[in-house]
Amino acid sequence: MFWNWLIGILVITFGFVVIRGAPYVPSRTKYINRAFDKLYKLGRSDVLIDLGSGDGIVLRLASKQKAKAIGYEMNPILVIISRLLSIHDRNIKIRMTDFWLTKFPDDTTIVYVFITTNHLKKLAKKMQQESNRLKRPLKLMTYGGVFTDIKPDDELEAYRLYTFSPLQTDEA
């Protein structure tokens, strides 16, 4: 009986998140490091937001490069795991929140996301709104999903780097 409840809770917890974003897929350290090395070198002045931060590996790797890293994650199990794995790192914050409904911190410089194709238009709109609100360009590094109507600044394997610049109007 206990195992049935536990499995049910896990299915609901991980399944609900897929409706709002991408499923949890563990990221590989060597590929993330290569993307940060070749596409966008992080430094002390950077604030990276990881949308759907999962177990926090991207946050920990960004922190190793001296960047401030903030993870947005809806799955409470992954939030706990990420917080435990990052417990002594002052550069990392993990927030249990739906990033679609959350404004980025004012000092955000780059957003990282593993995204599926069916959420790309919504993500482009969110990035444009945040760039407009902050009145400055924002970088977006995607893993997986590829925008068909936005040209990337650079590409490396399944990673793409985009720049969203503020528009004169609020239209995305």
Foldseek 3Di string as FASTA:
>chain_A
DVVVVVVVVVCCLQVVVVVLWNGDDDDDLVVLVVCCVPPNPAAQLAEEEEEQCFQPSNQVVNVVRNYQYEYEHQRPVRQVNNCVVCVPRPSYYYDNDRVLPDADPLSHAEYEYEGEQVCVVSVLLNLQQNQQVSQAKHKYKYAAYDDPPADFPDDDVRITIHIHHHDPDSGD
